[in-house]
Amino acid sequence: MSKCEIARGKVHDVHHHMKDGDYKFGLDVQKKYKDLLNNENNKRVGGNLIVEIVPKDRKSSDVYPPENGDDVQVWGAWVKDKPNGWNEIHHAWKVVKK
């Protein structure tokens, strides 16, 4: 939907080891980023924006792998996850702890 979007919020539900090697988490976005969500985000993942960091980007100094409760800002491609129907940032190529 967009090659580059920015979002900021609190981290929830970190999954360190996905089958594909991605680092996945939910982001409870600040109010001004709520337009990045759709109905499936609200129904299926508690109103969070899903964010995924691919293995090659985890080695970058621009990507901080957050933990639950962290306040972070993320940059990356904004896409619709076709199998699940929710919107997500996949892949996040920059993650900064605030």
C-alpha atoms as a PDB file:
ATOM      1  CA  MET A   1       0.000   0.000   0.000  1.00  0.00           C
ATOM      2  CA  SER A   2       3.009   2.224   0.605  1.00  0.00           C
ATOM      3  CA  LYS A   3       6.762   1.654   0.270  1.00  0.00           C
ATOM      4  CA  CYS A   4       7.485   3.778   3.333  1.00  0.00           C
ATOM      5  CA  GLU A   5       5.347   4.637   6.344  1.00  0.00           C
ATOM      6  CA  ILE A   6       6.181   5.766   9.854  1.00  0.00           C
ATOM      7  CA  ALA A   7       4.401   4.682  13.026  1.00  0.00           C
ATOM      8  CA  ARG A   8       5.043   5.128  16.731  1.00  0.00           C
ATOM      9  CA  GLY A   9       3.608   3.338  19.729  1.00  0.00           C
ATOM     10  CA  LYS A  10       4.024   0.784  22.532  1.00  0.00           C
ATOM     11  CA  VAL A  11       5.240  -2.725  21.776  1.00  0.00           C
ATOM     12  CA  HIS A  12       3.101  -5.791  22.620  1.00  0.00           C
ATOM     13  CA  ASP A  13       3.240  -9.531  21.964  1.00  0.00           C
ATOM     14  CA  VAL A  14       6.837  -9.889  20.785  1.00  0.00           C
ATOM     15  CA  HIS A  15       7.554 -13.124  18.877  1.00  0.00           C
ATOM     16  CA  HIS A  16      11.323 -13.553  18.644  1.00  0.00           C
ATOM     17  CA  HIS A  17      11.440 -16.712  16.558  1.00  0.00           C
ATOM     18  CA  MET A  18       8.899 -16.971  13.743  1.00  0.00           C
ATOM     19  CA  LYS A  19       9.213 -19.990  11.405  1.00  0.00           C
ATOM     20  CA  ASP A  20      10.468 -17.721   8.634  1.00  0.00           C
ATOM     21  CA  GLY A  21      13.032 -16.075  10.931  1.00  0.00           C
ATOM     22  CA  ASP A  22      11.150 -12.795  11.225  1.00  0.00           C
ATOM     23  CA  TYR A  23      10.963 -10.869  14.508  1.00  0.00           C
ATOM     24  CA  LYS A  24       7.285  -9.967  14.907  1.00  0.00           C
ATOM     25  CA  PHE A  25       5.442  -7.699  17.332  1.00  0.00           C
ATOM     26  CA  GLY A  26       2.250  -5.734  17.772  1.00  0.00           C
ATOM     27  CA  LEU A  27       2.424  -1.964  17.976  1.00  0.00           C
ATOM     28  CA  ASP A  28      -0.255  -0.075  19.892  1.00  0.00           C
ATOM     29  CA  VAL A  29       0.063   2.988  17.688  1.00  0.00           C
ATOM     30  CA  GLN A  30      -0.417   6.553  18.825  1.00  0.00           C
ATOM     31  CA  LYS A  31      -3.692   8.181  17.799  1.00  0.00           C
ATOM     32  CA  LYS A  32      -2.237   9.971  14.766  1.00  0.00           C
ATOM     33  CA  TYR A  33      -1.225   6.594  13.248  1.00  0.00           C
ATOM     34  CA  LYS A  34      -4.592   4.838  13.714  1.00  0.00           C
ATOM     35  CA  ASP A  35      -5.337   5.280   9.991  1.00  0.00           C
ATOM     36  CA  LEU A  36      -2.732   2.570   9.326  1.00  0.00           C
ATOM     37  CA  LEU A  37      -5.121   0.007  10.881  1.00  0.00           C
ATOM     38  CA  ASN A  38      -8.081  -1.782   9.327  1.00  0.00           C
ATOM     39  CA  ASN A  39     -10.996  -3.784  10.753  1.00  0.00           C
ATOM     40  CA  GLU A  40      -8.932  -6.976  10.968  1.00  0.00           C
ATOM     41  CA  ASN A  41      -6.294  -5.194  13.073  1.00  0.00           C
ATOM     42  CA  ASN A  42      -9.071  -4.153  15.436  1.00  0.00           C
ATOM     43  CA  LYS A  43     -10.844  -7.545  15.511  1.00  0.00           C
ATOM     44  CA  ARG A  44      -7.957 -10.005  15.442  1.00  0.00           C
ATOM     45  CA  VAL A  45      -4.885  -8.362  16.965  1.00  0.00           C
ATOM     46  CA  GLY A  46      -6.326  -6.062  19.606  1.00  0.00           C
ATOM     47  CA  GLY A  47      -6.144  -2.889  17.531  1.00  0.00           C
ATOM     48  CA  ASN A  48      -2.387  -3.235  17.089  1.00  0.00           C
ATOM     49  CA  LEU A  49      -0.371  -2.712  13.931  1.00  0.00           C
ATOM     50  CA  ILE A  50       1.720  -5.803  13.234  1.00  0.00           C
ATOM     51  CA  VAL A  51       5.419  -5.096  12.589  1.00  0.00           C
ATOM     52  CA  GLU A  52       7.909  -7.611  11.217  1.00  0.00           C
ATOM     53  CA  ILE A  53      11.684  -7.343  11.012  1.00  0.00           C
ATOM     54  CA  VAL A  54      13.282  -9.722   8.509  1.00  0.00           C
ATOM     55  CA  PRO A  55      16.510 -11.537   9.461  1.00  0.00           C
ATOM     56  CA  LYS A  56      18.836  -9.496   7.210  1.00  0.00           C
ATOM     57  CA  ASP A  57      17.620  -6.239   8.770  1.00  0.00           C
ATOM     58  CA  ARG A  58      18.084  -7.495  12.344  1.00  0.00           C
ATOM     59  CA  LYS A  59      21.827  -7.141  11.779  1.00  0.00           C
ATOM     60  CA  SER A  60      21.501  -3.436  10.920  1.00  0.00           C
ATOM     61  CA  SER A  61      22.404  -0.777  13.463  1.00  0.00           C
ATOM     62  CA  ASP A  62      19.214   1.032  12.307  1.00  0.00           C
ATOM     63  CA  VAL A  63      17.003  -1.725  13.695  1.00  0.00           C
ATOM     64  CA  TYR A  64      16.450  -2.024  17.441  1.00  0.00           C
ATOM     65  CA  PRO A  65      14.661  -5.320  18.262  1.00  0.00           C
ATOM     66  CA  PRO A  66      12.123  -4.069  20.839  1.00  0.00           C
ATOM     67  CA  GLU A  67      10.730  -5.775  23.907  1.00  0.00           C
ATOM     68  CA  ASN A  68       7.215  -5.647  25.340  1.00  0.00           C
ATOM     69  CA  GLY A  69       6.394  -2.214  26.720  1.00  0.00           C
ATOM     70  CA  ASP A  70       9.005  -0.303  24.705  1.00  0.00           C
ATOM     71  CA  ASP A  71       7.999   2.962  23.028  1.00  0.00           C
ATOM     72  CA  VAL A  72       9.334   2.754  19.464  1.00  0.00           C
ATOM     73  CA  GLN A  73       9.116   4.474  16.121  1.00  0.00           C
ATOM     74  CA  VAL A  74       9.219   2.278  13.025  1.00  0.00           C
ATOM     75  CA  TRP A  75       9.772   2.908   9.320  1.00  0.00           C
ATOM     76  CA  GLY A  76       8.967   0.380   6.623  1.00  0.00           C
ATOM     77  CA  ALA A  77       6.669  -0.910   3.914  1.00  0.00           C
ATOM     78  CA  TRP A  78       2.973  -0.716   4.820  1.00  0.00           C
ATOM     79  CA  VAL A  79       1.229  -3.797   3.438  1.00  0.00           C
ATOM     80  CA  LYS A  80      -1.877  -5.914   3.887  1.00  0.00           C
ATOM     81  CA  ASP A  81      -1.124  -9.413   5.156  1.00  0.00           C
ATOM     82  CA  LYS A  82      -3.210 -11.391   2.648  1.00  0.00           C
ATOM     83  CA  PRO A  83      -3.623 -14.611   4.679  1.00  0.00           C
ATOM     84  CA  ASN A  84      -4.737 -12.744   7.818  1.00  0.00           C
ATOM     85  CA  GLY A  85      -6.295  -9.597   6.356  1.00  0.00           C
ATOM     86  CA  TRP A  86      -4.678  -7.105   8.728  1.00  0.00           C
ATOM     87  CA  ASN A  87      -2.340  -4.239   7.871  1.00  0.00           C
ATOM     88  CA  GLU A  88       1.283  -4.383   8.910  1.00  0.00           C
ATOM     89  CA  ILE A  89       4.709  -2.863   8.488  1.00  0.00           C
ATOM     90  CA  HIS A  90       6.643  -5.617   6.730  1.00  0.00           C
ATOM     91  CA  HIS A  91       9.420  -5.269   6.546  1.00  0.00           C
ATOM     92  CA  ALA A  92      10.534  -2.663   9.045  1.00  0.00           C
ATOM     93  CA  TRP A  93      13.914  -1.318   7.957  1.00  0.00           C
ATOM     94  CA  LYS A  94      14.337   1.118  10.827  1.00  0.00           C
ATOM     95  CA  VAL A  95      13.204   0.742  14.461  1.00  0.00           C
ATOM     96  CA  VAL A  96      14.215   3.297  17.091  1.00  0.00           C
ATOM     97  CA  LYS A  97      13.498   3.181  20.815  1.00  0.00           C
ATOM     98  CA  LYS A  98      12.121   6.501  22.076  1.00  0.00           C
END
